[in-house]
PDB file of N, CA and C in Angstrom:
ATOM      1  N   UNK A   1      31.875 -96.848 -70.710  1.00  0.00           N
ATOM      2  CA  UNK A   1      30.732 -96.264 -71.091  1.00  0.00           C
ATOM      3  C   UNK A   1      29.768 -94.906 -70.169  1.00  0.00           C
ATOM      4  N   UNK A   2      30.154 -94.759 -68.386  1.00  0.00           N
ATOM      5  CA  UNK A   2      29.562 -94.064 -68.053  1.00  0.00           C
ATOM      6  C   UNK A   2      30.548 -92.769 -68.405  1.00  0.00           C
ATOM      7  N   UNK A   3      31.124 -93.132 -68.623  1.00  0.00           N
ATOM      8  CA  UNK A   3      32.671 -91.782 -68.979  1.00  0.00           C
ATOM      9  C   UNK A   3      32.682 -91.069 -69.751  1.00  0.00           C
ATOM     10  N   UNK A   4      32.529 -91.842 -71.157  1.00  0.00           N
ATOM     11  CA  UNK A   4      31.919 -90.997 -72.627  1.00  0.00           C
ATOM     12  C   UNK A   4      30.415 -90.057 -72.674  1.00  0.00           C
ATOM     13  N   UNK A   5      29.531 -90.704 -71.402  1.00  0.00           N
ATOM     14  CA  UNK A   5      28.800 -90.000 -70.852  1.00  0.00           C
ATOM     15  C   UNK A   5      27.833 -88.728 -70.563  1.00  0.00           C
ATOM     16  N   UNK A   6      28.736 -88.743 -69.426  1.00  0.00           N
ATOM     17  CA  UNK A   6      29.423 -87.506 -68.919  1.00  0.00           C
ATOM     18  C   UNK A   6      30.342 -86.206 -69.618  1.00  0.00           C
ATOM     19  N   UNK A   7      31.093 -86.701 -70.776  1.00  0.00           N
ATOM     20  CA  UNK A   7      31.497 -85.698 -71.498  1.00  0.00           C
ATOM     21  C   UNK A   7      30.837 -85.487 -71.543  1.00  0.00           C
ATOM     22  N   UNK A   8      29.883 -86.233 -72.586  1.00  0.00           N
ATOM     23  CA  UNK A   8      28.779 -85.714 -74.386  1.00  0.00           C
ATOM     24  C   UNK A   8      27.288 -85.045 -72.970  1.00  0.00           C
ATOM     25  N   UNK A   9      27.262 -84.974 -72.119  1.00  0.00           N
ATOM     26  CA  UNK A   9      26.003 -84.544 -71.534  1.00  0.00           C
ATOM     27  C   UNK A   9      27.145 -83.308 -71.153  1.00  0.00           C
ATOM     28  N   UNK A  10      27.996 -82.785 -69.805  1.00  0.00           N
ATOM     29  CA  UNK A  10      28.581 -81.753 -69.929  1.00  0.00           C
ATOM     30  C   UNK A  10      29.538 -80.576 -71.606  1.00  0.00           C
ATOM     31  N   UNK A  11      28.712 -81.369 -71.939  1.00  0.00           N
ATOM     32  CA  UNK A  11      29.350 -81.196 -74.126  1.00  0.00           C
ATOM     33  C   UNK A  11      28.246 -80.174 -74.433  1.00  0.00           C
ATOM     34  N   UNK A  12      26.340 -80.758 -73.740  1.00  0.00           N
ATOM     35  CA  UNK A  12      25.570 -80.803 -74.210  1.00  0.00           C
ATOM     36  C   UNK A  12      25.099 -78.949 -75.003  1.00  0.00           C
ATOM     37  N   UNK A  13      25.655 -78.231 -74.030  1.00  0.00           N
ATOM     38  CA  UNK A  13      24.616 -77.331 -74.243  1.00  0.00           C
ATOM     39  C   UNK A  13      25.763 -76.370 -75.268  1.00  0.00           C
ATOM     40  N   UNK A  14      27.717 -76.878 -75.711  1.00  0.00           N
ATOM     41  CA  UNK A  14      28.747 -76.411 -76.499  1.00  0.00           C
ATOM     42  C   UNK A  14      27.797 -77.910 -77.493  1.00  0.00           C
ATOM     43  N   UNK A  15      26.877 -78.406 -78.084  1.00  0.00           N
ATOM     44  CA  UNK A  15      26.868 -78.066 -78.639  1.00  0.00           C
ATOM     45  C   UNK A  15      25.427 -78.906 -79.941  1.00  0.00           C
ATOM     46  N   UNK A  16      24.675 -78.062 -78.613  1.00  0.00           N
ATOM     47  CA  UNK A  16      23.963 -76.808 -78.604  1.00  0.00           C
ATOM     48  C   UNK A  16      23.680 -76.078 -79.924  1.00  0.00           C
ATOM     49  N   UNK A  17      25.010 -74.936 -79.532  1.00  0.00           N
ATOM     50  CA  UNK A  17      25.100 -74.620 -80.028  1.00  0.00           C
ATOM     51  C   UNK A  17      25.451 -74.585 -81.530  1.00  0.00           C
ATOM     52  N   UNK A  18      26.649 -75.427 -81.326  1.00  0.00           N
ATOM     53  CA  UNK A  18      27.077 -75.593 -82.720  1.00  0.00           C
ATOM     54  C   UNK A  18      25.307 -75.396 -84.097  1.00  0.00           C
ATOM     55  N   UNK A  19      25.193 -77.506 -83.305  1.00  0.00           N
ATOM     56  CA  UNK A  19      23.584 -77.128 -84.144  1.00  0.00           C
ATOM     57  C   UNK A  19      23.213 -76.001 -84.367  1.00  0.00           C
ATOM     58  N   UNK A  20      22.753 -75.441 -85.603  1.00  0.00           N
ATOM     59  CA  UNK A  20      22.230 -74.582 -86.153  1.00  0.00           C
ATOM     60  C   UNK A  20      20.534 -74.327 -85.984  1.00  0.00           C
ATOM     61  N   UNK A  21      20.271 -73.866 -84.747  1.00  0.00           N
ATOM     62  CA  UNK A  21      18.410 -73.906 -84.653  1.00  0.00           C
ATOM     63  C   UNK A  21      17.826 -72.697 -84.705  1.00  0.00           C
ATOM     64  N   UNK A  22      16.404 -71.749 -84.739  1.00  0.00           N
ATOM     65  CA  UNK A  22      16.064 -70.606 -84.796  1.00  0.00           C
ATOM     66  C   UNK A  22      16.233 -70.721 -83.653  1.00  0.00           C
ATOM     67  N   UNK A  23      15.924 -71.463 -82.614  1.00  0.00           N
ATOM     68  CA  UNK A  23      15.254 -71.477 -81.103  1.00  0.00           C
ATOM     69  C   UNK A  23      16.218 -70.698 -80.097  1.00  0.00           C
ATOM     70  N   UNK A  24      17.132 -71.867 -80.834  1.00  0.00           N
ATOM     71  CA  UNK A  24      18.649 -71.648 -80.155  1.00  0.00           C
ATOM     72  C   UNK A  24      19.434 -70.134 -80.225  1.00  0.00           C
ATOM     73  N   UNK A  25      19.586 -70.089 -82.149  1.00  0.00           N
ATOM     74  CA  UNK A  25      19.781 -68.412 -81.937  1.00  0.00           C
ATOM     75  C   UNK A  25      19.773 -67.767 -81.377  1.00  0.00           C
ATOM     76  N   UNK A  26      18.271 -67.902 -80.853  1.00  0.00           N
ATOM     77  CA  UNK A  26      17.506 -66.967 -80.743  1.00  0.00           C
ATOM     78  C   UNK A  26      18.170 -66.803 -79.229  1.00  0.00           C
ATOM     79  N   UNK A  27      18.008 -67.659 -78.702  1.00  0.00           N
ATOM     80  CA  UNK A  27      18.401 -67.772 -77.311  1.00  0.00           C
ATOM     81  C   UNK A  27      20.245 -67.259 -77.222  1.00  0.00           C
ATOM     82  N   UNK A  28      21.053 -67.733 -78.170  1.00  0.00           N
ATOM     83  CA  UNK A  28      22.635 -67.332 -77.963  1.00  0.00           C
ATOM     84  C   UNK A  28      22.368 -65.313 -78.053  1.00  0.00           C
ATOM     85  N   UNK A  29      21.396 -64.785 -78.998  1.00  0.00           N
ATOM     86  CA  UNK A  29      21.241 -63.789 -78.912  1.00  0.00           C
ATOM     87  C   UNK A  29      20.850 -62.988 -77.916  1.00  0.00           C
ATOM     88  N   UNK A  30      19.685 -63.289 -77.330  1.00  0.00           N
ATOM     89  CA  UNK A  30      19.221 -63.331 -75.598  1.00  0.00           C
ATOM     90  C   UNK A  30      20.366 -62.859 -74.467  1.00  0.00           C
ATOM     91  N   UNK A  31      21.520 -63.439 -74.887  1.00  0.00           N
ATOM     92  CA  UNK A  31      22.317 -63.842 -73.930  1.00  0.00           C
ATOM     93  C   UNK A  31      23.491 -62.827 -73.896  1.00  0.00           C
ATOM     94  N   UNK A  32      24.266 -62.849 -75.322  1.00  0.00           N
ATOM     95  CA  UNK A  32      24.616 -62.126 -75.720  1.00  0.00           C
ATOM     96  C   UNK A  32      24.081 -59.664 -75.457  1.00  0.00           C
ATOM     97  N   UNK A  33      23.063 -60.285 -76.159  1.00  0.00           N
ATOM     98  CA  UNK A  33      22.495 -59.036 -75.252  1.00  0.00           C
ATOM     99  C   UNK A  33      22.381 -58.465 -73.862  1.00  0.00           C
ATOM    100  N   UNK A  34      22.180 -59.532 -72.916  1.00  0.00           N
ATOM    101  CA  UNK A  34      22.422 -59.617 -72.082  1.00  0.00           C
ATOM    102  C   UNK A  34      23.964 -58.746 -71.639  1.00  0.00           C
ATOM    103  N   UNK A  35      24.672 -59.626 -72.170  1.00  0.00           N
ATOM    104  CA  UNK A  35      26.099 -59.534 -71.680  1.00  0.00           C
ATOM    105  C   UNK A  35      26.143 -58.242 -71.984  1.00  0.00           C
ATOM    106  N   UNK A  36      26.093 -57.680 -72.781  1.00  0.00           N
ATOM    107  CA  UNK A  36      26.272 -56.603 -73.499  1.00  0.00           C
ATOM    108  C   UNK A  36      25.419 -55.528 -72.390  1.00  0.00           C
ATOM    109  N   UNK A  37      24.814 -55.890 -72.152  1.00  0.00           N
ATOM    110  CA  UNK A  37      23.884 -54.730 -71.079  1.00  0.00           C
ATOM    111  C   UNK A  37      24.199 -54.897 -70.139  1.00  0.00           C
ATOM    112  N   UNK A  38      25.648 -55.859 -69.761  1.00  0.00           N
ATOM    113  CA  UNK A  38      25.621 -55.933 -68.340  1.00  0.00           C
ATOM    114  C   UNK A  38      27.393 -55.136 -68.440  1.00  0.00           C
ATOM    115  N   UNK A  39      27.931 -55.570 -69.536  1.00  0.00           N
ATOM    116  CA  UNK A  39      29.014 -55.013 -70.156  1.00  0.00           C
ATOM    117  C   UNK A  39      28.973 -53.775 -69.724  1.00  0.00           C
ATOM    118  N   UNK A  40      27.535 -52.744 -70.536  1.00  0.00           N
ATOM    119  CA  UNK A  40      28.161 -51.645 -70.844  1.00  0.00           C
ATOM    120  C   UNK A  40      27.839 -51.071 -69.079  1.00  0.00           C
ATOM    121  N   UNK A  41      27.216 -51.584 -68.411  1.00  0.00           N
ATOM    122  CA  UNK A  41      26.330 -51.199 -66.761  1.00  0.00           C
ATOM    123  C   UNK A  41      27.480 -50.849 -66.309  1.00  0.00           C
ATOM    124  N   UNK A  42      28.213 -52.133 -66.383  1.00  0.00           N
ATOM    125  CA  UNK A  42      29.754 -51.840 -65.608  1.00  0.00           C
ATOM    126  C   UNK A  42      31.023 -51.039 -65.883  1.00  0.00           C
ATOM    127  N   UNK A  43      30.562 -50.390 -67.707  1.00  0.00           N
ATOM    128  CA  UNK A  43      31.833 -49.375 -67.800  1.00  0.00           C
ATOM    129  C   UNK A  43      31.149 -48.310 -68.153  1.00  0.00           C
ATOM    130  N   UNK A  44      29.609 -47.443 -67.330  1.00  0.00           N
ATOM    131  CA  UNK A  44      29.562 -46.729 -66.842  1.00  0.00           C
ATOM    132  C   UNK A  44      29.774 -46.368 -64.855  1.00  0.00           C
ATOM    133  N   UNK A  45      29.422 -47.635 -64.422  1.00  0.00           N
ATOM    134  CA  UNK A  45      30.234 -47.567 -63.322  1.00  0.00           C
ATOM    135  C   UNK A  45      31.264 -47.199 -63.040  1.00  0.00           C
ATOM    136  N   UNK A  46      32.361 -48.213 -63.712  1.00  0.00           N
ATOM    137  CA  UNK A  46      33.544 -47.423 -63.781  1.00  0.00           C
ATOM    138  C   UNK A  46      33.987 -46.308 -64.360  1.00  0.00           C
ATOM    139  N   UNK A  47      33.529 -45.629 -64.836  1.00  0.00           N
ATOM    140  CA  UNK A  47      32.964 -43.985 -65.776  1.00  0.00           C
ATOM    141  C   UNK A  47      32.929 -43.290 -64.504  1.00  0.00           C
ATOM    142  N   UNK A  48      32.143 -43.223 -63.685  1.00  0.00           N
ATOM    143  CA  UNK A  48      31.007 -42.930 -63.012  1.00  0.00           C
ATOM    144  C   UNK A  48      32.487 -42.677 -61.088  1.00  0.00           C
ATOM    145  N   UNK A  49      32.883 -44.225 -61.674  1.00  0.00           N
ATOM    146  CA  UNK A  49      34.018 -44.140 -60.478  1.00  0.00           C
ATOM    147  C   UNK A  49      34.711 -42.787 -60.572  1.00  0.00           C
ATOM    148  N   UNK A  50      35.964 -42.908 -61.664  1.00  0.00           N
ATOM    149  CA  UNK A  50      36.436 -42.683 -62.102  1.00  0.00           C
ATOM    150  C   UNK A  50      36.358 -40.783 -62.265  1.00  0.00           C
ATOM    151  N   UNK A  51      35.153 -40.816 -62.989  1.00  0.00           N
ATOM    152  CA  UNK A  51      35.176 -38.734 -62.474  1.00  0.00           C
ATOM    153  C   UNK A  51      34.733 -38.583 -60.720  1.00  0.00           C
ATOM    154  N   UNK A  52      34.332 -39.272 -59.698  1.00  0.00           N
ATOM    155  CA  UNK A  52      34.545 -39.307 -58.620  1.00  0.00           C
ATOM    156  C   UNK A  52      36.136 -39.667 -58.303  1.00  0.00           C
ATOM    157  N   UNK A  53      36.975 -40.259 -58.403  1.00  0.00           N
ATOM    158  CA  UNK A  53      38.856 -39.405 -57.837  1.00  0.00           C
ATOM    159  C   UNK A  53      38.809 -38.882 -58.610  1.00  0.00           C
ATOM    160  N   UNK A  54      38.545 -38.397 -59.632  1.00  0.00           N
ATOM    161  CA  UNK A  54      39.275 -37.318 -60.591  1.00  0.00           C
ATOM    162  C   UNK A  54      38.586 -35.860 -59.433  1.00  0.00           C
ATOM    163  N   UNK A  55      36.805 -36.186 -59.075  1.00  0.00           N
ATOM    164  CA  UNK A  55      37.017 -35.296 -58.279  1.00  0.00           C
ATOM    165  C   UNK A  55      37.562 -34.667 -57.362  1.00  0.00           C
ATOM    166  N   UNK A  56      37.724 -35.989 -56.558  1.00  0.00           N
ATOM    167  CA  UNK A  56      38.105 -36.329 -55.061  1.00  0.00           C
ATOM    168  C   UNK A  56      40.069 -35.412 -55.068  1.00  0.00           C
ATOM    169  N   UNK A  57      40.077 -35.567 -55.878  1.00  0.00           N
ATOM    170  CA  UNK A  57      42.011 -35.413 -56.268  1.00  0.00           C
ATOM    171  C   UNK A  57      42.107 -33.786 -57.126  1.00  0.00           C
ATOM    172  N   UNK A  58      41.254 -32.913 -57.888  1.00  0.00           N
ATOM    173  CA  UNK A  58      40.596 -32.694 -57.561  1.00  0.00           C
ATOM    174  C   UNK A  58      40.658 -30.911 -56.657  1.00  0.00           C
ATOM    175  N   UNK A  59      39.775 -31.525 -56.138  1.00  0.00           N
ATOM    176  CA  UNK A  59      39.433 -30.823 -54.213  1.00  0.00           C
ATOM    177  C   UNK A  59      41.246 -31.042 -53.678  1.00  0.00           C
ATOM    178  N   UNK A  60      41.852 -32.083 -53.055  1.00  0.00           N
ATOM    179  CA  UNK A  60      42.713 -31.945 -52.522  1.00  0.00           C
ATOM    180  C   UNK A  60      43.930 -31.536 -52.646  1.00  0.00           C
ATOM    181  N   UNK A  61      44.097 -31.187 -54.616  1.00  0.00           N
ATOM    182  CA  UNK A  61      45.398 -30.066 -54.421  1.00  0.00           C
ATOM    183  C   UNK A  61      44.660 -29.648 -54.118  1.00  0.00           C
ATOM    184  N   UNK A  62      43.369 -28.548 -54.918  1.00  0.00           N
ATOM    185  CA  UNK A  62      43.119 -27.305 -53.605  1.00  0.00           C
ATOM    186  C   UNK A  62      43.117 -26.805 -52.359  1.00  0.00           C
ATOM    187  N   UNK A  63      42.460 -27.620 -51.414  1.00  0.00           N
ATOM    188  CA  UNK A  63      43.237 -27.928 -50.213  1.00  0.00           C
ATOM    189  C   UNK A  63      44.643 -27.520 -49.952  1.00  0.00           C
ATOM    190  N   UNK A  64      45.326 -28.022 -51.159  1.00  0.00           N
ATOM    191  CA  UNK A  64      46.535 -28.312 -50.725  1.00  0.00           C
ATOM    192  C   UNK A  64      47.075 -27.162 -51.399  1.00  0.00           C
ATOM    193  N   UNK A  65      46.560 -25.978 -52.627  1.00  0.00           N
ATOM    194  CA  UNK A  65      46.779 -24.989 -52.462  1.00  0.00           C
ATOM    195  C   UNK A  65      46.867 -24.601 -52.070  1.00  0.00           C
TER     196      UNK A  65
END
């Protein structure tokens, strides 16, 4: 019985997501927005790094020529 309680308590967040409640939907939306913002920030950083690497490659190519 204790094992069952542990499984249920560990699945609590999943069950909360399944149950349609206005407050839970708002929380899920907030988490999704945060994840999207983090993803955008990561994409921007990756883009900036690519531009820097390309810029360095162009400089090194010009030096070699």
